[in-house]
Amino acid sequence: MAPYVRPMKLEPDPRARFGLRKLILPAAVFAVVFAGGLVDWTEPLAKAHAIYNEVKPVPRVDRQYANCAAARADRRFNIPRSDPSYRSRMDSDGDGLACEPHW
């Protein structure tokens, strides 16, 4: 007599829960709204470009930090050797980056 073999239970793949069926409706809505021309993006994009062109980056003032705690308080990390704020005493491993965060 052959030994009893329990039938395999087929379970759905947990990675397949976001299958094709859940993508059909959002893709159709996207195609109708954006590609179909129901939304006019020219005016908002023109405003965004105008705002972006008005905003100029604020130049960072070169500061001399007493130590890395002061630099970190000013949100400065990985200060390269080419930066005027770089000090060799703040570069603990001598690789050219001062105040490296140690995670």
C-alpha atoms as a PDB file:
ATOM      1  CA  MET A   1       0.000   0.000   0.000  1.00  0.00           C
ATOM      2  CA  ALA A   2       1.319   3.472  -0.952  1.00  0.00           C
ATOM      3  CA  PRO A   3       1.940   5.980   1.846  1.00  0.00           C
ATOM      4  CA  TYR A   4      -0.598   8.777   2.297  1.00  0.00           C
ATOM      5  CA  VAL A   5       0.389  11.990   0.561  1.00  0.00           C
ATOM      6  CA  ARG A   6      -1.383  15.085   1.759  1.00  0.00           C
ATOM      7  CA  PRO A   7      -2.644  17.241  -1.119  1.00  0.00           C
ATOM      8  CA  MET A   8      -0.871  20.547  -1.542  1.00  0.00           C
ATOM      9  CA  LYS A   9      -2.776  23.655  -0.524  1.00  0.00           C
ATOM     10  CA  LEU A  10      -2.375  26.334  -3.147  1.00  0.00           C
ATOM     11  CA  GLU A  11      -2.324  29.789  -1.624  1.00  0.00           C
ATOM     12  CA  PRO A  12      -2.147  33.040  -3.551  1.00  0.00           C
ATOM     13  CA  ASP A  13       1.172  34.771  -3.751  1.00  0.00           C
ATOM     14  CA  PRO A  14       1.165  37.659  -1.206  1.00  0.00           C
ATOM     15  CA  ARG A  15       3.188  39.772  -3.649  1.00  0.00           C
ATOM     16  CA  ALA A  16       0.418  39.504  -6.240  1.00  0.00           C
ATOM     17  CA  ARG A  17      -2.207  41.339  -4.194  1.00  0.00           C
ATOM     18  CA  PHE A  18      -1.578  44.514  -6.189  1.00  0.00           C
ATOM     19  CA  GLY A  19      -2.377  42.810  -9.407  1.00  0.00           C
ATOM     20  CA  LEU A  20      -3.382  44.042 -12.805  1.00  0.00           C
ATOM     21  CA  ARG A  21      -7.051  44.422 -11.879  1.00  0.00           C
ATOM     22  CA  LYS A  22      -6.258  47.127  -9.338  1.00  0.00           C
ATOM     23  CA  LEU A  23      -4.238  49.087 -11.896  1.00  0.00           C
ATOM     24  CA  ILE A  24      -6.801  49.167 -14.695  1.00  0.00           C
ATOM     25  CA  LEU A  25      -9.158  51.777 -13.220  1.00  0.00           C
ATOM     26  CA  PRO A  26      -6.448  54.254 -12.075  1.00  0.00           C
ATOM     27  CA  ALA A  27      -4.702  53.930 -15.436  1.00  0.00           C
ATOM     28  CA  ALA A  28      -7.956  54.601 -17.269  1.00  0.00           C
ATOM     29  CA  VAL A  29      -8.704  57.636 -15.107  1.00  0.00           C
ATOM     30  CA  PHE A  30      -5.189  58.961 -15.649  1.00  0.00           C
ATOM     31  CA  ALA A  31      -5.485  58.510 -19.400  1.00  0.00           C
ATOM     32  CA  VAL A  32      -8.848  60.285 -19.590  1.00  0.00           C
ATOM     33  CA  VAL A  33      -7.975  63.187 -17.286  1.00  0.00           C
ATOM     34  CA  PHE A  34      -4.407  63.962 -18.271  1.00  0.00           C
ATOM     35  CA  ALA A  35      -3.973  62.645 -21.783  1.00  0.00           C
ATOM     36  CA  GLY A  36      -7.566  63.409 -22.788  1.00  0.00           C
ATOM     37  CA  GLY A  37      -7.139  67.105 -22.133  1.00  0.00           C
ATOM     38  CA  LEU A  38      -9.736  67.486 -19.362  1.00  0.00           C
ATOM     39  CA  VAL A  39      -7.194  69.360 -17.276  1.00  0.00           C
ATOM     40  CA  ASP A  40      -5.392  72.389 -18.659  1.00  0.00           C
ATOM     41  CA  TRP A  41      -1.898  72.440 -17.134  1.00  0.00           C
ATOM     42  CA  THR A  42      -0.495  75.381 -19.082  1.00  0.00           C
ATOM     43  CA  GLU A  43      -1.507  78.113 -16.619  1.00  0.00           C
ATOM     44  CA  PRO A  44      -0.390  76.332 -13.405  1.00  0.00           C
ATOM     45  CA  LEU A  45       2.888  75.350 -15.053  1.00  0.00           C
ATOM     46  CA  ALA A  46       3.508  78.913 -16.196  1.00  0.00           C
ATOM     47  CA  LYS A  47       2.911  80.141 -12.628  1.00  0.00           C
ATOM     48  CA  ALA A  48       5.229  77.496 -11.218  1.00  0.00           C
ATOM     49  CA  HIS A  49       7.986  78.435 -13.662  1.00  0.00           C
ATOM     50  CA  ALA A  50       7.561  82.122 -12.824  1.00  0.00           C
ATOM     51  CA  ILE A  51       7.832  81.410  -9.097  1.00  0.00           C
ATOM     52  CA  TYR A  52      10.841  79.147  -9.618  1.00  0.00           C
ATOM     53  CA  ASN A  53      12.623  81.783 -11.681  1.00  0.00           C
ATOM     54  CA  GLU A  54      11.958  84.459  -9.024  1.00  0.00           C
ATOM     55  CA  VAL A  55      13.437  82.434  -6.185  1.00  0.00           C
ATOM     56  CA  LYS A  56      17.195  82.757  -6.085  1.00  0.00           C
ATOM     57  CA  PRO A  57      19.332  80.624  -3.825  1.00  0.00           C
ATOM     58  CA  VAL A  58      20.586  82.410  -0.771  1.00  0.00           C
ATOM     59  CA  PRO A  59      24.384  82.312  -0.677  1.00  0.00           C
ATOM     60  CA  ARG A  60      25.714  80.549   2.387  1.00  0.00           C
ATOM     61  CA  VAL A  61      27.820  82.710   4.615  1.00  0.00           C
ATOM     62  CA  ASP A  62      31.199  81.118   5.220  1.00  0.00           C
ATOM     63  CA  ARG A  63      31.448  80.568   8.934  1.00  0.00           C
ATOM     64  CA  GLN A  64      34.310  79.408  11.049  1.00  0.00           C
ATOM     65  CA  TYR A  65      33.034  76.737  13.431  1.00  0.00           C
ATOM     66  CA  ALA A  66      34.674  76.097  16.767  1.00  0.00           C
ATOM     67  CA  ASN A  67      33.885  72.389  16.552  1.00  0.00           C
ATOM     68  CA  CYS A  68      31.625  69.901  14.815  1.00  0.00           C
ATOM     69  CA  ALA A  69      28.837  70.399  17.345  1.00  0.00           C
ATOM     70  CA  ALA A  70      28.574  74.027  16.227  1.00  0.00           C
ATOM     71  CA  ALA A  71      28.618  72.963  12.570  1.00  0.00           C
ATOM     72  CA  ARG A  72      25.905  70.369  13.171  1.00  0.00           C
ATOM     73  CA  ALA A  73      23.806  72.982  14.967  1.00  0.00           C
ATOM     74  CA  ASP A  74      23.988  74.970  11.722  1.00  0.00           C
ATOM     75  CA  ARG A  75      23.048  71.776   9.801  1.00  0.00           C
ATOM     76  CA  ARG A  76      26.462  71.425   8.198  1.00  0.00           C
ATOM     77  CA  PHE A  77      27.762  67.910   7.623  1.00  0.00           C
ATOM     78  CA  ASN A  78      30.514  66.502   5.410  1.00  0.00           C
ATOM     79  CA  ILE A  79      32.299  69.804   4.950  1.00  0.00           C
ATOM     80  CA  PRO A  80      34.764  69.254   2.070  1.00  0.00           C
ATOM     81  CA  ARG A  81      38.346  70.413   2.112  1.00  0.00           C
ATOM     82  CA  SER A  82      37.525  72.998  -0.591  1.00  0.00           C
ATOM     83  CA  ASP A  83      34.955  74.709   1.677  1.00  0.00           C
ATOM     84  CA  PRO A  84      36.230  77.769   3.601  1.00  0.00           C
ATOM     85  CA  SER A  85      34.578  76.381   6.764  1.00  0.00           C
ATOM     86  CA  TYR A  86      36.778  73.254   6.660  1.00  0.00           C
ATOM     87  CA  ARG A  87      39.261  72.800   9.486  1.00  0.00           C
ATOM     88  CA  SER A  88      41.682  69.899   9.643  1.00  0.00           C
ATOM     89  CA  ARG A  89      41.088  69.511  13.376  1.00  0.00           C
ATOM     90  CA  MET A  90      37.425  68.695  12.611  1.00  0.00           C
ATOM     91  CA  ASP A  91      38.409  65.951  10.137  1.00  0.00           C
ATOM     92  CA  SER A  92      38.782  62.942  12.411  1.00  0.00           C
ATOM     93  CA  ASP A  93      39.869  60.394   9.801  1.00  0.00           C
ATOM     94  CA  GLY A  94      41.772  62.712   7.442  1.00  0.00           C
ATOM     95  CA  ASP A  95      39.757  61.904   4.323  1.00  0.00           C
ATOM     96  CA  GLY A  96      39.007  65.508   3.380  1.00  0.00           C
ATOM     97  CA  LEU A  97      35.521  65.646   4.892  1.00  0.00           C
ATOM     98  CA  ALA A  98      35.038  67.369   8.219  1.00  0.00           C
ATOM     99  CA  CYS A  99      32.134  66.698  10.616  1.00  0.00           C
ATOM    100  CA  GLU A 100      31.073  63.408   9.090  1.00  0.00           C
ATOM    101  CA  PRO A 101      27.984  61.922  10.748  1.00  0.00           C
ATOM    102  CA  HIS A 102      28.803  58.638  12.433  1.00  0.00           C
ATOM    103  CA  TRP A 103      25.695  56.475  12.327  1.00  0.00           C
END
